Amino acid sequence: MSDVCTVTGSIAPSTLGKVLFHEHLLMVLCGPWQSGRLVDREELEQLQVDAAVTAL
């Protein structure tokens, strides 16, 4: 079986012990500076959702 890569180097899976899995989500920041105008909060939230979906 392959080793597990960690920030301190590779280790054998049997020495890993208990771990908590988690997800890394893509964060896309977009805002009024992209359109050159001010937007309200709901519109900004929708812009951020649209940009994230496009990036995926």
Protein backbone atom coordinates (compact mmCIF):
# COMPACT_ATOMS: atom_id res chain seq x y z
CA MET A 1 0.00 0.00 0.00
CA SER A 2 1.21 3.55 -0.67
CA ASP A 3 2.40 5.94 1.98
CA VAL A 4 0.27 8.85 3.11
CA CYS A 5 1.74 12.27 2.32
CA THR A 6 1.66 14.66 5.28
CA VAL A 7 3.09 18.11 5.85
CA THR A 8 5.97 16.49 7.78
CA GLY A 9 6.66 13.76 5.21
CA SER A 10 5.33 10.39 4.12
CA ILE A 11 4.09 7.87 6.66
CA ALA A 12 2.68 4.36 6.52
CA PRO A 13 -1.14 4.23 6.63
CA SER A 14 -1.00 1.91 9.65
CA THR A 15 0.72 4.63 11.73
CA LEU A 16 -1.84 7.29 10.85
CA GLY A 17 -4.36 6.57 13.59
CA LYS A 18 -7.77 8.27 13.66
CA VAL A 19 -8.30 11.18 11.29
CA LEU A 20 -11.12 13.60 10.56
CA PHE A 21 -11.85 14.09 6.90
CA HIS A 22 -12.91 17.44 5.51
CA GLU A 23 -13.47 19.17 2.21
CA HIS A 24 -11.62 22.10 0.71
CA LEU A 25 -14.07 24.30 -1.12
CA LEU A 26 -13.19 26.70 -3.87
CA MET A 27 -13.73 30.29 -2.80
CA VAL A 28 -14.27 32.84 -5.52
CA LEU A 29 -14.36 36.46 -4.51
CA CYS A 30 -16.17 38.81 -6.80
CA GLY A 31 -17.72 42.10 -6.03
CA PRO A 32 -18.79 45.51 -7.20
CA TRP A 33 -15.28 46.35 -8.39
CA GLN A 34 -15.75 43.88 -11.23
CA SER A 35 -18.77 45.67 -12.63
CA GLY A 36 -17.56 49.18 -11.80
CA ARG A 37 -20.75 49.93 -9.88
CA LEU A 38 -22.21 49.43 -6.44
CA VAL A 39 -24.46 46.42 -5.89
CA ASP A 40 -26.73 45.46 -3.04
CA ARG A 41 -26.02 42.49 -0.77
CA GLU A 42 -28.42 40.09 -2.49
CA GLU A 43 -26.98 40.90 -5.90
CA LEU A 44 -23.42 40.49 -4.56
CA GLU A 45 -24.31 37.09 -3.08
CA GLN A 46 -25.77 35.98 -6.39
CA LEU A 47 -22.65 37.20 -8.24
CA GLN A 48 -20.49 35.14 -5.87
CA VAL A 49 -22.63 32.00 -6.31
CA ASP A 50 -22.59 32.39 -10.11
CA ALA A 51 -18.80 32.86 -10.14
CA ALA A 52 -18.25 29.80 -7.94
CA VAL A 53 -20.52 27.61 -10.09
CA THR A 54 -18.74 28.78 -13.23
CA ALA A 55 -15.34 28.01 -11.68
CA LEU A 56 -16.39 24.45 -10.80
